[in-house]
């Protein structure tokens, strides 16, 4: 009963704020630091990041098509970091992935990518990874996924450190991407659960990690 009341309270606060403001199959992890993967850009935007990632992935998968960056987040601290959730197709197989890029002295470097075959049978797909920021005593936790269940209107992601993050979906926006930044020595940084809510705020999906 306490947990249920707590969730209701969290949801109430979220929707008040909202109204007041205008890994499945085998995964592939790549960490890169070679000069050929560095791109010098003065002004980085979503199109730049998309081009950088697409070019990088095509080196290994020349027959890739339908590449799309579905979510992109830019963290100014520590340093200047970019995180992306993306999808693409090879032959008749769909993939989705997450990437960590950093920008130092105008140079954008792809530090890490992690990919899986897209699980179209799951109501909500699951990608999560952790790693260390370059040149900082901090770590990142990436949580991302695609929501295949059209009845899910909002996704709530909770972590063991009691952070709660909501993602409002739409008919065309069916993915989410969250970045948590923690101290390197912090132990409790893991994902706790992913909850799906319908348009009436009812819980219709839950995945406990």
N, C-alpha and C. Protein backbone atom coordinates (compact mmCIF):
# COMPACT_ATOMS: atom_id res chain seq x y z
N UNK A 1 0.83 -1.20 0.00
CA UNK A 1 0.00 0.00 0.00
C UNK A 1 0.87 1.26 0.00
N UNK A 2 1.97 1.23 0.80
CA UNK A 2 2.87 2.38 0.86
C UNK A 2 3.50 2.66 -0.48
N UNK A 3 3.95 1.58 -1.17
CA UNK A 3 4.60 1.74 -2.47
C UNK A 3 3.61 2.33 -3.47
N UNK A 4 2.35 1.82 -3.41
CA UNK A 4 1.33 2.30 -4.34
C UNK A 4 1.05 3.78 -4.11
N UNK A 5 0.93 4.19 -2.84
CA UNK A 5 0.68 5.60 -2.53
C UNK A 5 1.85 6.47 -2.96
N UNK A 6 3.06 5.94 -2.79
CA UNK A 6 4.25 6.70 -3.17
C UNK A 6 4.26 6.92 -4.67
N UNK A 7 3.92 5.88 -5.45
CA UNK A 7 3.88 6.01 -6.90
C UNK A 7 2.83 7.01 -7.32
N UNK A 8 1.66 6.98 -6.67
CA UNK A 8 0.59 7.92 -7.00
C UNK A 8 1.05 9.35 -6.74
N UNK A 9 1.76 9.54 -5.63
CA UNK A 9 2.25 10.88 -5.30
C UNK A 9 3.26 11.36 -6.33
N UNK A 10 4.14 10.47 -6.75
CA UNK A 10 5.14 10.83 -7.77
C UNK A 10 4.45 11.22 -9.07
N UNK A 11 3.44 10.43 -9.45
CA UNK A 11 2.74 10.70 -10.70
C UNK A 11 1.98 12.02 -10.63
N UNK A 12 1.40 12.32 -9.47
CA UNK A 12 0.64 13.56 -9.32
C UNK A 12 1.55 14.77 -9.53
N UNK A 13 2.73 14.73 -8.91
CA UNK A 13 3.68 15.84 -9.05
C UNK A 13 4.12 15.98 -10.49
N UNK A 14 4.38 14.84 -11.16
CA UNK A 14 4.85 14.88 -12.54
C UNK A 14 3.83 15.52 -13.46
N UNK A 15 2.56 15.11 -13.35
CA UNK A 15 1.56 15.63 -14.28
C UNK A 15 1.19 17.08 -13.97
N UNK A 16 1.35 17.50 -12.72
CA UNK A 16 1.17 18.91 -12.41
C UNK A 16 2.25 19.75 -13.09
N UNK A 17 3.50 19.28 -13.00
CA UNK A 17 4.60 19.97 -13.64
C UNK A 17 4.44 19.97 -15.15
N UNK A 18 4.00 18.83 -15.69
CA UNK A 18 3.86 18.70 -17.13
C UNK A 18 2.82 19.67 -17.67
N UNK A 19 1.72 19.84 -16.91
CA UNK A 19 0.65 20.71 -17.38
C UNK A 19 1.04 22.18 -17.28
N UNK A 20 2.06 22.48 -16.47
CA UNK A 20 2.42 23.88 -16.27
C UNK A 20 3.59 24.34 -17.10
N UNK A 21 4.10 23.52 -18.02
CA UNK A 21 5.25 23.89 -18.82
C UNK A 21 5.02 23.59 -20.27
N UNK A 22 5.28 25.26 -21.05
CA UNK A 22 5.13 25.16 -22.51
C UNK A 22 6.35 24.44 -22.94
N UNK A 23 18.64 -5.57 -23.04
CA UNK A 23 19.37 -5.65 -24.27
C UNK A 23 18.93 -7.02 -24.72
N UNK A 24 18.14 -7.66 -25.26
CA UNK A 24 17.51 -8.75 -26.03
C UNK A 24 18.55 -9.73 -26.59
N UNK A 25 18.84 -9.70 -27.90
CA UNK A 25 19.77 -10.65 -28.51
C UNK A 25 21.20 -10.23 -28.22
N UNK A 26 22.15 -10.94 -28.84
CA UNK A 26 23.56 -10.69 -28.58
C UNK A 26 23.90 -9.24 -28.83
N UNK A 27 24.61 -8.64 -27.89
CA UNK A 27 24.95 -7.23 -28.00
C UNK A 27 26.34 -7.06 -28.55
N UNK A 28 26.60 -5.88 -29.12
CA UNK A 28 27.90 -5.54 -29.67
C UNK A 28 28.33 -4.25 -29.01
N UNK A 29 29.46 -4.29 -28.32
CA UNK A 29 29.98 -3.10 -27.65
C UNK A 29 31.27 -2.68 -28.30
N UNK A 30 31.40 -1.40 -28.61
CA UNK A 30 32.60 -0.88 -29.25
C UNK A 30 33.08 0.34 -28.49
N UNK A 31 34.37 0.35 -28.16
CA UNK A 31 34.99 1.53 -27.58
C UNK A 31 36.05 2.01 -28.54
N UNK A 32 36.04 3.31 -28.83
CA UNK A 32 36.91 3.83 -29.87
C UNK A 32 37.63 5.07 -29.40
N UNK A 33 38.89 5.19 -29.78
CA UNK A 33 39.64 6.41 -29.49
C UNK A 33 40.63 6.72 -30.60
N UNK A 34 40.50 6.08 -31.76
CA UNK A 34 41.44 6.29 -32.85
C UNK A 34 41.20 7.64 -33.51
N UNK A 35 42.24 8.21 -34.12
CA UNK A 35 42.13 9.52 -34.72
C UNK A 35 41.11 9.55 -35.85
N UNK A 36 40.96 8.43 -36.55
CA UNK A 36 40.03 8.39 -37.68
C UNK A 36 38.58 8.56 -37.24
N UNK A 37 38.30 8.31 -35.96
CA UNK A 37 36.94 8.45 -35.45
C UNK A 37 36.72 9.81 -34.79
N UNK A 38 37.72 10.68 -34.85
CA UNK A 38 37.59 12.02 -34.30
C UNK A 38 37.14 12.98 -35.40
N UNK A 39 36.18 13.83 -35.09
CA UNK A 39 35.68 14.79 -36.06
C UNK A 39 35.72 16.17 -35.43
N UNK A 40 36.36 17.14 -36.12
CA UNK A 40 36.47 18.48 -35.56
C UNK A 40 35.28 19.32 -36.02
N UNK A 41 34.51 19.80 -35.05
CA UNK A 41 33.34 20.62 -35.32
C UNK A 41 33.30 21.78 -34.34
N UNK A 42 32.99 22.96 -34.81
CA UNK A 42 32.85 24.10 -33.91
C UNK A 42 31.47 24.11 -33.26
N UNK A 43 30.44 23.89 -34.05
CA UNK A 43 29.08 23.90 -33.54
C UNK A 43 28.44 22.53 -33.81
N UNK A 44 28.15 21.81 -32.75
CA UNK A 44 27.61 20.46 -32.88
C UNK A 44 26.10 20.51 -32.72
N UNK A 45 25.39 19.86 -33.64
CA UNK A 45 23.95 19.74 -33.51
C UNK A 45 23.54 18.31 -33.80
N UNK A 46 22.24 18.05 -33.77
CA UNK A 46 21.75 16.68 -33.95
C UNK A 46 22.16 16.11 -35.30
N UNK A 47 22.14 16.96 -36.33
CA UNK A 47 22.52 16.48 -37.67
C UNK A 47 23.98 16.06 -37.72
N UNK A 48 24.86 16.83 -37.05
CA UNK A 48 26.27 16.48 -37.00
C UNK A 48 26.47 15.13 -36.32
N UNK A 49 25.84 14.95 -35.17
CA UNK A 49 25.98 13.70 -34.43
C UNK A 49 25.48 12.54 -35.26
N UNK A 50 24.36 12.72 -35.94
CA UNK A 50 23.80 11.66 -36.78
C UNK A 50 24.78 11.27 -37.88
N UNK A 51 25.37 12.27 -38.53
CA UNK A 51 26.33 12.00 -39.61
C UNK A 51 27.57 11.29 -39.09
N UNK A 52 28.06 11.72 -37.93
CA UNK A 52 29.25 11.11 -37.34
C UNK A 52 29.00 9.63 -37.02
N UNK A 53 27.86 9.36 -36.37
CA UNK A 53 27.54 7.98 -36.00
C UNK A 53 27.30 7.10 -37.23
N UNK A 54 26.55 7.63 -38.19
CA UNK A 54 26.25 6.85 -39.39
C UNK A 54 27.53 6.48 -40.14
N UNK A 55 28.43 7.44 -40.29
CA UNK A 55 29.70 7.17 -40.96
C UNK A 55 30.51 6.12 -40.21
N UNK A 56 30.51 6.23 -38.89
CA UNK A 56 31.27 5.30 -38.05
C UNK A 56 30.74 3.87 -38.18
N UNK A 57 29.42 3.71 -38.11
CA UNK A 57 28.83 2.37 -38.17
C UNK A 57 28.97 1.76 -39.56
N UNK A 58 28.93 2.59 -40.58
CA UNK A 58 29.04 2.07 -41.94
C UNK A 58 30.41 1.48 -42.24
N UNK A 59 31.41 1.83 -41.43
CA UNK A 59 32.73 1.24 -41.62
C UNK A 59 32.69 -0.27 -41.43
N UNK A 60 31.82 -0.73 -40.51
CA UNK A 60 31.68 -2.16 -40.23
C UNK A 60 30.50 -2.78 -40.96
N UNK A 61 29.51 -1.97 -41.28
CA UNK A 61 28.28 -2.49 -41.88
C UNK A 61 27.91 -1.63 -43.08
N UNK A 62 28.58 -1.89 -44.19
CA UNK A 62 28.43 -1.05 -45.38
C UNK A 62 27.02 -1.12 -45.97
N UNK A 63 26.30 -2.21 -45.70
CA UNK A 63 24.95 -2.36 -46.24
C UNK A 63 23.88 -1.85 -45.28
N UNK A 64 24.27 -1.01 -44.34
CA UNK A 64 23.32 -0.44 -43.39
C UNK A 64 22.38 0.54 -44.10
N UNK A 65 21.13 0.60 -43.63
CA UNK A 65 20.16 1.55 -44.18
C UNK A 65 19.24 2.02 -43.05
N UNK A 66 18.40 3.00 -43.36
CA UNK A 66 17.39 3.51 -42.42
C UNK A 66 18.00 3.97 -41.09
N UNK A 67 19.18 4.58 -41.14
CA UNK A 67 19.81 5.04 -39.90
C UNK A 67 19.05 6.26 -39.36
N UNK A 68 18.80 6.26 -38.05
CA UNK A 68 18.05 7.37 -37.43
C UNK A 68 18.48 7.54 -35.98
N UNK A 69 18.85 8.76 -35.60
CA UNK A 69 19.08 9.10 -34.19
C UNK A 69 17.73 9.48 -33.61
N UNK A 70 17.22 8.68 -32.69
CA UNK A 70 15.89 8.91 -32.14
C UNK A 70 15.91 9.80 -30.91
N UNK A 71 17.03 9.82 -30.18
CA UNK A 71 17.17 10.69 -29.00
C UNK A 71 18.60 11.16 -28.91
N UNK A 72 18.78 12.39 -28.45
CA UNK A 72 20.12 12.96 -28.29
C UNK A 72 20.13 13.87 -27.07
N UNK A 73 21.11 13.66 -26.20
CA UNK A 73 21.25 14.52 -25.02
C UNK A 73 22.67 15.06 -24.97
N UNK A 74 22.79 16.33 -24.61
CA UNK A 74 24.09 17.00 -24.49
C UNK A 74 24.28 17.41 -23.04
N UNK A 75 25.29 16.85 -22.38
CA UNK A 75 25.61 17.22 -21.00
C UNK A 75 26.83 18.13 -21.01
N UNK A 76 26.67 19.33 -20.46
CA UNK A 76 27.78 20.29 -20.44
C UNK A 76 28.79 19.96 -19.35
N UNK A 77 28.33 19.29 -18.29
CA UNK A 77 29.22 18.94 -17.19
C UNK A 77 29.06 17.46 -16.88
N UNK A 78 30.13 16.70 -16.68
CA UNK A 78 31.51 17.16 -16.82
C UNK A 78 31.92 17.24 -18.29
N UNK A 79 32.78 18.19 -18.63
CA UNK A 79 33.21 18.42 -20.01
C UNK A 79 32.00 18.67 -20.90
N UNK A 80 32.07 18.25 -22.14
CA UNK A 80 30.98 18.44 -23.10
C UNK A 80 30.70 17.08 -23.74
N UNK A 81 29.66 16.41 -23.28
CA UNK A 81 29.40 15.04 -23.67
C UNK A 81 28.06 14.90 -24.38
N UNK A 82 28.00 13.94 -25.31
CA UNK A 82 26.78 13.67 -26.05
C UNK A 82 26.42 12.19 -25.90
N UNK A 83 25.13 11.94 -25.74
CA UNK A 83 24.62 10.57 -25.67
C UNK A 83 23.49 10.44 -26.67
N UNK A 84 23.47 9.32 -27.38
CA UNK A 84 22.47 9.14 -28.43
C UNK A 84 21.87 7.74 -28.38
N UNK A 85 20.60 7.67 -28.73
CA UNK A 85 19.92 6.39 -28.98
C UNK A 85 19.58 6.39 -30.47
N UNK A 86 19.91 5.30 -31.15
CA UNK A 86 19.74 5.27 -32.60
C UNK A 86 19.25 3.91 -33.07
N UNK A 87 18.72 3.88 -34.30
CA UNK A 87 18.26 2.64 -34.91
C UNK A 87 18.76 2.59 -36.36
N UNK A 88 18.86 1.36 -36.88
CA UNK A 88 19.20 1.18 -38.29
C UNK A 88 18.84 -0.24 -38.72
N UNK A 89 18.99 -0.51 -39.99
CA UNK A 89 18.64 -1.83 -40.54
C UNK A 89 19.80 -2.37 -41.37
N UNK A 90 20.04 -3.66 -41.22
CA UNK A 90 21.01 -4.37 -42.06
C UNK A 90 20.26 -5.52 -42.70
N UNK A 91 20.16 -5.49 -44.04
CA UNK A 91 19.31 -6.44 -44.76
C UNK A 91 17.88 -6.34 -44.23
N UNK A 92 17.36 -7.37 -43.60
CA UNK A 92 16.00 -7.32 -43.07
C UNK A 92 15.97 -7.29 -41.55
N UNK A 93 17.12 -7.07 -40.92
CA UNK A 93 17.22 -7.08 -39.45
C UNK A 93 17.38 -5.66 -38.93
N UNK A 94 16.54 -5.31 -37.94
CA UNK A 94 16.61 -3.99 -37.31
C UNK A 94 17.47 -4.04 -36.06
N UNK A 95 18.23 -2.98 -35.84
CA UNK A 95 19.08 -2.84 -34.67
C UNK A 95 18.77 -1.53 -33.97
N UNK A 96 19.08 -1.48 -32.68
CA UNK A 96 19.06 -0.21 -31.96
C UNK A 96 20.30 -0.16 -31.08
N UNK A 97 20.76 1.06 -30.81
CA UNK A 97 21.99 1.18 -30.04
C UNK A 97 22.04 2.47 -29.26
N UNK A 98 23.05 2.57 -28.41
CA UNK A 98 23.33 3.77 -27.64
C UNK A 98 24.80 4.13 -27.82
N UNK A 99 25.08 5.42 -27.78
CA UNK A 99 26.45 5.87 -28.02
C UNK A 99 26.82 6.98 -27.05
N UNK A 100 28.10 7.01 -26.70
CA UNK A 100 28.67 8.08 -25.88
C UNK A 100 29.75 8.77 -26.70
N UNK A 101 29.60 10.07 -26.87
CA UNK A 101 30.58 10.88 -27.59
C UNK A 101 31.00 12.04 -26.71
N UNK A 102 32.24 12.47 -26.83
CA UNK A 102 32.66 13.65 -26.09
C UNK A 102 33.33 14.64 -27.03
N UNK A 103 33.33 15.89 -26.61
CA UNK A 103 33.91 16.97 -27.40
C UNK A 103 34.96 17.68 -26.56
N UNK A 104 36.21 17.66 -27.03
CA UNK A 104 37.31 18.30 -26.33
C UNK A 104 38.08 19.13 -27.35
N UNK A 105 38.20 20.44 -27.07
CA UNK A 105 38.91 21.36 -27.96
C UNK A 105 38.36 21.29 -29.39
N UNK A 106 37.05 21.18 -29.49
CA UNK A 106 36.41 21.17 -30.80
C UNK A 106 36.42 19.83 -31.50
N UNK A 107 37.00 18.81 -30.88
CA UNK A 107 37.08 17.49 -31.49
C UNK A 107 36.01 16.59 -30.90
N UNK A 108 35.15 16.03 -31.75
CA UNK A 108 34.12 15.09 -31.31
C UNK A 108 34.65 13.67 -31.51
N UNK A 109 34.65 12.90 -30.43
CA UNK A 109 35.18 11.54 -30.45
C UNK A 109 34.10 10.56 -30.03
N UNK A 110 33.93 9.50 -30.81
CA UNK A 110 33.01 8.43 -30.42
C UNK A 110 33.75 7.52 -29.43
N UNK A 111 33.37 7.61 -28.18
CA UNK A 111 34.06 6.85 -27.14
C UNK A 111 33.51 5.44 -27.00
N UNK A 112 32.20 5.29 -27.21
CA UNK A 112 31.61 3.97 -26.99
C UNK A 112 30.28 3.85 -27.70
N UNK A 113 30.03 2.68 -28.27
CA UNK A 113 28.71 2.34 -28.79
C UNK A 113 28.33 0.95 -28.31
N UNK A 114 27.05 0.73 -28.13
CA UNK A 114 26.55 -0.58 -27.73
C UNK A 114 25.24 -0.84 -28.47
N UNK A 115 25.14 -1.99 -29.11
CA UNK A 115 24.00 -2.27 -29.98
C UNK A 115 23.42 -3.65 -29.72
N UNK A 116 22.13 -3.79 -30.05
CA UNK A 116 21.45 -5.08 -29.99
C UNK A 116 20.51 -5.18 -31.17
N UNK A 117 20.13 -6.41 -31.53
CA UNK A 117 19.06 -6.58 -32.49
C UNK A 117 17.77 -6.11 -31.85
N UNK A 118 17.02 -5.32 -32.56
CA UNK A 118 15.81 -4.72 -32.00
C UNK A 118 14.75 -5.79 -31.74
N UNK A 119 14.27 -5.82 -30.51
CA UNK A 119 13.28 -6.81 -30.09
C UNK A 119 11.88 -6.24 -30.31
N UNK A 120 11.31 -6.51 -31.47
CA UNK A 120 9.99 -5.97 -31.80
C UNK A 120 8.86 -6.69 -31.07
N UNK A 121 9.17 -7.82 -30.43
CA UNK A 121 8.15 -8.56 -29.70
C UNK A 121 7.96 -8.05 -28.28
N UNK A 122 8.97 -7.39 -27.74
CA UNK A 122 8.88 -6.86 -26.38
C UNK A 122 8.04 -5.60 -26.35
N UNK A 123 7.29 -5.41 -25.28
CA UNK A 123 6.49 -4.20 -25.14
C UNK A 123 7.39 -2.98 -24.99
N UNK A 124 8.51 -3.16 -24.28
CA UNK A 124 9.49 -2.09 -24.11
C UNK A 124 10.88 -2.74 -24.22
N UNK A 125 11.71 -2.26 -25.13
CA UNK A 125 13.05 -2.82 -25.25
C UNK A 125 13.95 -2.23 -24.18
N UNK A 126 15.11 -2.84 -23.99
CA UNK A 126 15.96 -2.47 -22.86
C UNK A 126 17.42 -2.37 -23.28
N UNK A 127 17.98 -1.19 -23.18
CA UNK A 127 19.41 -0.99 -23.35
C UNK A 127 19.91 -0.22 -22.13
N UNK A 128 20.95 -0.74 -21.52
CA UNK A 128 21.53 -0.05 -20.36
C UNK A 128 23.01 -0.37 -20.26
N UNK A 129 23.80 0.65 -19.95
CA UNK A 129 25.22 0.44 -19.75
C UNK A 129 25.76 1.53 -18.83
N UNK A 130 26.89 1.29 -18.24
CA UNK A 130 27.57 2.28 -17.40
C UNK A 130 29.02 2.39 -17.85
N UNK A 131 29.63 3.52 -17.56
CA UNK A 131 31.03 3.71 -17.93
C UNK A 131 31.58 4.96 -17.29
N UNK A 132 32.86 5.19 -17.50
CA UNK A 132 33.53 6.36 -16.94
C UNK A 132 33.62 7.48 -17.97
N UNK A 133 33.37 8.70 -17.51
CA UNK A 133 33.60 9.85 -18.38
C UNK A 133 35.09 9.99 -18.65
N UNK A 134 35.41 10.48 -19.81
CA UNK A 134 36.80 10.79 -20.11
C UNK A 134 37.20 12.06 -19.36
N UNK A 135 38.35 12.04 -18.74
CA UNK A 135 38.89 13.21 -18.05
C UNK A 135 38.02 13.72 -16.91
N UNK A 136 37.36 12.82 -16.19
CA UNK A 136 36.54 13.23 -15.06
C UNK A 136 36.38 12.06 -14.10
N UNK A 137 36.27 12.38 -12.82
CA UNK A 137 36.08 11.34 -11.81
C UNK A 137 34.60 11.06 -11.58
N UNK A 138 33.92 10.89 -12.67
CA UNK A 138 32.49 10.61 -12.61
C UNK A 138 32.14 9.47 -13.58
N UNK A 139 30.98 8.87 -13.33
CA UNK A 139 30.50 7.79 -14.17
C UNK A 139 29.13 8.15 -14.74
N UNK A 140 28.78 7.51 -15.83
CA UNK A 140 27.47 7.70 -16.43
C UNK A 140 26.70 6.39 -16.43
N UNK A 141 25.39 6.49 -16.34
CA UNK A 141 24.49 5.35 -16.48
C UNK A 141 23.52 5.70 -17.60
N UNK A 142 23.52 4.91 -18.67
CA UNK A 142 22.64 5.15 -19.80
C UNK A 142 21.51 4.13 -19.76
N UNK A 143 20.28 4.61 -19.83
CA UNK A 143 19.10 3.76 -19.93
C UNK A 143 18.29 4.22 -21.14
N UNK A 144 17.97 3.30 -22.03
CA UNK A 144 17.23 3.67 -23.23
C UNK A 144 16.37 2.51 -23.69
N UNK A 145 15.47 2.80 -24.62
CA UNK A 145 14.64 1.74 -25.16
C UNK A 145 13.61 2.26 -26.15
N UNK A 146 12.92 1.33 -26.78
CA UNK A 146 11.84 1.63 -27.70
C UNK A 146 10.55 1.03 -27.14
N UNK A 147 9.48 1.81 -27.14
CA UNK A 147 8.20 1.36 -26.60
C UNK A 147 7.34 0.88 -27.77
N UNK A 148 7.18 -0.44 -27.88
CA UNK A 148 6.39 -1.02 -28.96
C UNK A 148 4.90 -1.06 -28.63
N UNK A 149 4.58 -1.08 -27.33
CA UNK A 149 3.19 -1.13 -26.90
C UNK A 149 2.56 0.25 -27.04
N UNK A 150 1.62 0.39 -27.97
CA UNK A 150 1.00 1.68 -28.25
C UNK A 150 0.08 2.16 -27.13
N UNK A 151 -0.29 1.28 -26.22
CA UNK A 151 -1.13 1.69 -25.10
C UNK A 151 -0.33 2.42 -24.03
N UNK A 152 0.99 2.30 -24.07
CA UNK A 152 1.84 2.99 -23.09
C UNK A 152 2.02 4.43 -23.54
N UNK A 153 1.57 5.35 -22.68
CA UNK A 153 1.59 6.78 -22.98
C UNK A 153 2.79 7.48 -22.34
N UNK A 154 3.24 6.98 -21.20
CA UNK A 154 4.33 7.58 -20.43
C UNK A 154 5.20 6.48 -19.84
N UNK A 155 6.50 6.69 -19.83
CA UNK A 155 7.44 5.75 -19.22
C UNK A 155 8.05 6.40 -17.98
N UNK A 156 8.06 5.65 -16.89
CA UNK A 156 8.72 6.07 -15.65
C UNK A 156 9.91 5.16 -15.41
N UNK A 157 11.10 5.77 -15.30
CA UNK A 157 12.33 5.03 -15.02
C UNK A 157 12.79 5.39 -13.61
N UNK A 158 13.01 4.38 -12.76
CA UNK A 158 13.49 4.63 -11.41
C UNK A 158 14.82 3.93 -11.19
N UNK A 159 15.64 4.52 -10.33
CA UNK A 159 16.96 3.98 -10.02
C UNK A 159 17.05 3.67 -8.54
N UNK A 160 18.05 2.86 -8.19
CA UNK A 160 18.19 2.47 -6.80
C UNK A 160 18.58 3.65 -5.92
N UNK A 161 19.10 4.73 -6.51
CA UNK A 161 19.40 5.93 -5.72
C UNK A 161 18.19 6.84 -5.60
N UNK A 162 17.01 6.31 -5.95
CA UNK A 162 15.71 6.97 -5.77
C UNK A 162 15.45 8.11 -6.76
N UNK A 163 16.21 8.18 -7.83
CA UNK A 163 15.89 9.13 -8.88
C UNK A 163 14.72 8.58 -9.71
N UNK A 164 13.81 9.46 -10.11
CA UNK A 164 12.65 9.08 -10.92
C UNK A 164 12.59 9.99 -12.14
N UNK A 165 12.50 9.40 -13.32
CA UNK A 165 12.50 10.18 -14.56
C UNK A 165 11.31 9.74 -15.41
N UNK A 166 10.52 10.72 -15.87
CA UNK A 166 9.36 10.44 -16.71
C UNK A 166 9.63 10.81 -18.16
N UNK A 167 9.04 10.03 -19.08
CA UNK A 167 9.15 10.31 -20.51
C UNK A 167 7.75 10.24 -21.11
N UNK A 168 7.27 11.38 -21.60
CA UNK A 168 5.97 11.44 -22.25
C UNK A 168 6.15 11.06 -23.72
N UNK A 169 5.41 10.06 -24.17
CA UNK A 169 5.52 9.57 -25.54
C UNK A 169 4.45 10.21 -26.42
N UNK A 170 4.55 9.95 -27.71
CA UNK A 170 3.54 10.42 -28.66
C UNK A 170 3.38 9.37 -29.74
N UNK A 171 2.53 9.64 -30.70
CA UNK A 171 2.32 8.67 -31.79
C UNK A 171 3.56 8.50 -32.65
N UNK A 172 4.40 9.53 -32.71
CA UNK A 172 5.61 9.47 -33.52
C UNK A 172 6.89 9.32 -32.70
N UNK A 173 6.83 9.64 -31.43
CA UNK A 173 8.01 9.55 -30.56
C UNK A 173 7.81 8.38 -29.60
N UNK A 174 8.47 7.23 -29.91
CA UNK A 174 8.24 6.01 -29.14
C UNK A 174 9.52 5.49 -28.48
N UNK A 175 10.48 6.35 -28.25
CA UNK A 175 11.73 5.94 -27.61
C UNK A 175 12.04 6.85 -26.44
N UNK A 176 12.97 6.40 -25.59
CA UNK A 176 13.39 7.22 -24.46
C UNK A 176 14.88 7.01 -24.21
N UNK A 177 15.50 8.01 -23.61
CA UNK A 177 16.93 7.98 -23.31
C UNK A 177 17.16 8.79 -22.05
N UNK A 178 17.79 8.17 -21.05
CA UNK A 178 18.09 8.87 -19.80
C UNK A 178 19.55 8.68 -19.44
N UNK A 179 20.16 9.76 -18.92
CA UNK A 179 21.55 9.73 -18.50
C UNK A 179 21.62 10.13 -17.03
N UNK A 180 22.22 9.30 -16.22
CA UNK A 180 22.48 9.62 -14.82
C UNK A 180 23.99 9.80 -14.63
N UNK A 181 24.38 10.86 -13.92
CA UNK A 181 25.79 11.14 -13.64
C UNK A 181 26.03 10.96 -12.15
N UNK A 182 27.02 10.15 -11.82
CA UNK A 182 27.31 9.85 -10.41
C UNK A 182 28.81 9.91 -10.18
N UNK A 183 29.18 9.99 -8.91
CA UNK A 183 30.59 9.93 -8.56
C UNK A 183 31.14 8.53 -8.83
N UNK A 184 32.42 8.47 -9.16
CA UNK A 184 33.02 7.19 -9.53
C UNK A 184 32.93 6.14 -8.43
N UNK A 185 32.96 6.59 -7.16
CA UNK A 185 32.93 5.64 -6.05
C UNK A 185 31.52 5.36 -5.54
N UNK A 186 30.51 5.92 -6.20
CA UNK A 186 29.14 5.66 -5.77
C UNK A 186 28.74 4.26 -6.17
N UNK A 187 28.19 3.51 -5.25
CA UNK A 187 27.88 2.11 -5.48
C UNK A 187 26.47 1.90 -6.03
N UNK A 188 25.50 2.62 -5.49
CA UNK A 188 24.10 2.37 -5.85
C UNK A 188 23.70 3.26 -7.02
N UNK A 189 23.99 2.76 -8.23
CA UNK A 189 23.71 3.56 -9.41
C UNK A 189 22.85 2.81 -10.42
N UNK A 190 22.41 1.62 -10.07
CA UNK A 190 21.73 0.79 -11.04
C UNK A 190 20.28 1.15 -11.29
N UNK A 191 19.80 0.68 -12.43
CA UNK A 191 18.38 0.82 -12.77
C UNK A 191 17.55 -0.06 -11.85
N UNK A 192 16.45 0.47 -11.35
CA UNK A 192 15.57 -0.28 -10.46
C UNK A 192 14.39 -0.88 -11.21
N UNK A 193 13.64 -0.03 -11.93
CA UNK A 193 12.50 -0.55 -12.68
C UNK A 193 12.09 0.43 -13.78
N UNK A 194 11.40 -0.13 -14.78
CA UNK A 194 10.81 0.67 -15.86
C UNK A 194 9.31 0.41 -15.82
N UNK A 195 8.52 1.48 -15.72
CA UNK A 195 7.07 1.36 -15.58
C UNK A 195 6.40 2.06 -16.76
N UNK A 196 5.39 1.41 -17.33
CA UNK A 196 4.62 2.00 -18.41
C UNK A 196 3.24 2.41 -17.92
N UNK A 197 2.82 3.64 -18.23
CA UNK A 197 1.53 4.16 -17.82
C UNK A 197 0.68 4.44 -19.06
N UNK A 198 -0.61 4.19 -18.94
CA UNK A 198 -1.50 4.53 -20.05
C UNK A 198 -1.92 6.00 -19.94
N UNK A 199 -2.77 6.44 -20.84
CA UNK A 199 -3.18 7.85 -20.87
C UNK A 199 -4.00 8.25 -19.65
N UNK A 200 -4.50 7.26 -18.91
CA UNK A 200 -5.26 7.53 -17.69
C UNK A 200 -4.39 7.43 -16.44
N UNK A 201 -3.09 7.30 -16.64
CA UNK A 201 -2.10 7.22 -15.57
C UNK A 201 -2.13 5.88 -14.83
N UNK A 202 -2.70 4.88 -15.44
CA UNK A 202 -2.71 3.56 -14.83
C UNK A 202 -1.45 2.79 -15.21
N UNK A 203 -0.92 2.06 -14.26
CA UNK A 203 0.26 1.24 -14.53
C UNK A 203 -0.16 0.00 -15.32
N UNK A 204 0.37 -0.15 -16.54
CA UNK A 204 0.02 -1.29 -17.39
C UNK A 204 1.24 -2.12 -17.77
N UNK A 205 2.41 -1.69 -17.31
CA UNK A 205 3.64 -2.43 -17.62
C UNK A 205 4.67 -2.15 -16.52
N UNK A 206 5.40 -3.18 -16.14
CA UNK A 206 6.48 -3.00 -15.18
C UNK A 206 7.58 -4.02 -15.44
N UNK A 207 8.82 -3.54 -15.47
CA UNK A 207 9.97 -4.42 -15.55
C UNK A 207 10.90 -4.09 -14.40
N UNK A 208 11.14 -5.06 -13.54
CA UNK A 208 12.01 -4.88 -12.38
C UNK A 208 13.37 -5.46 -12.71
N UNK A 209 14.41 -4.66 -12.49
CA UNK A 209 15.77 -5.10 -12.81
C UNK A 209 16.37 -5.88 -11.66
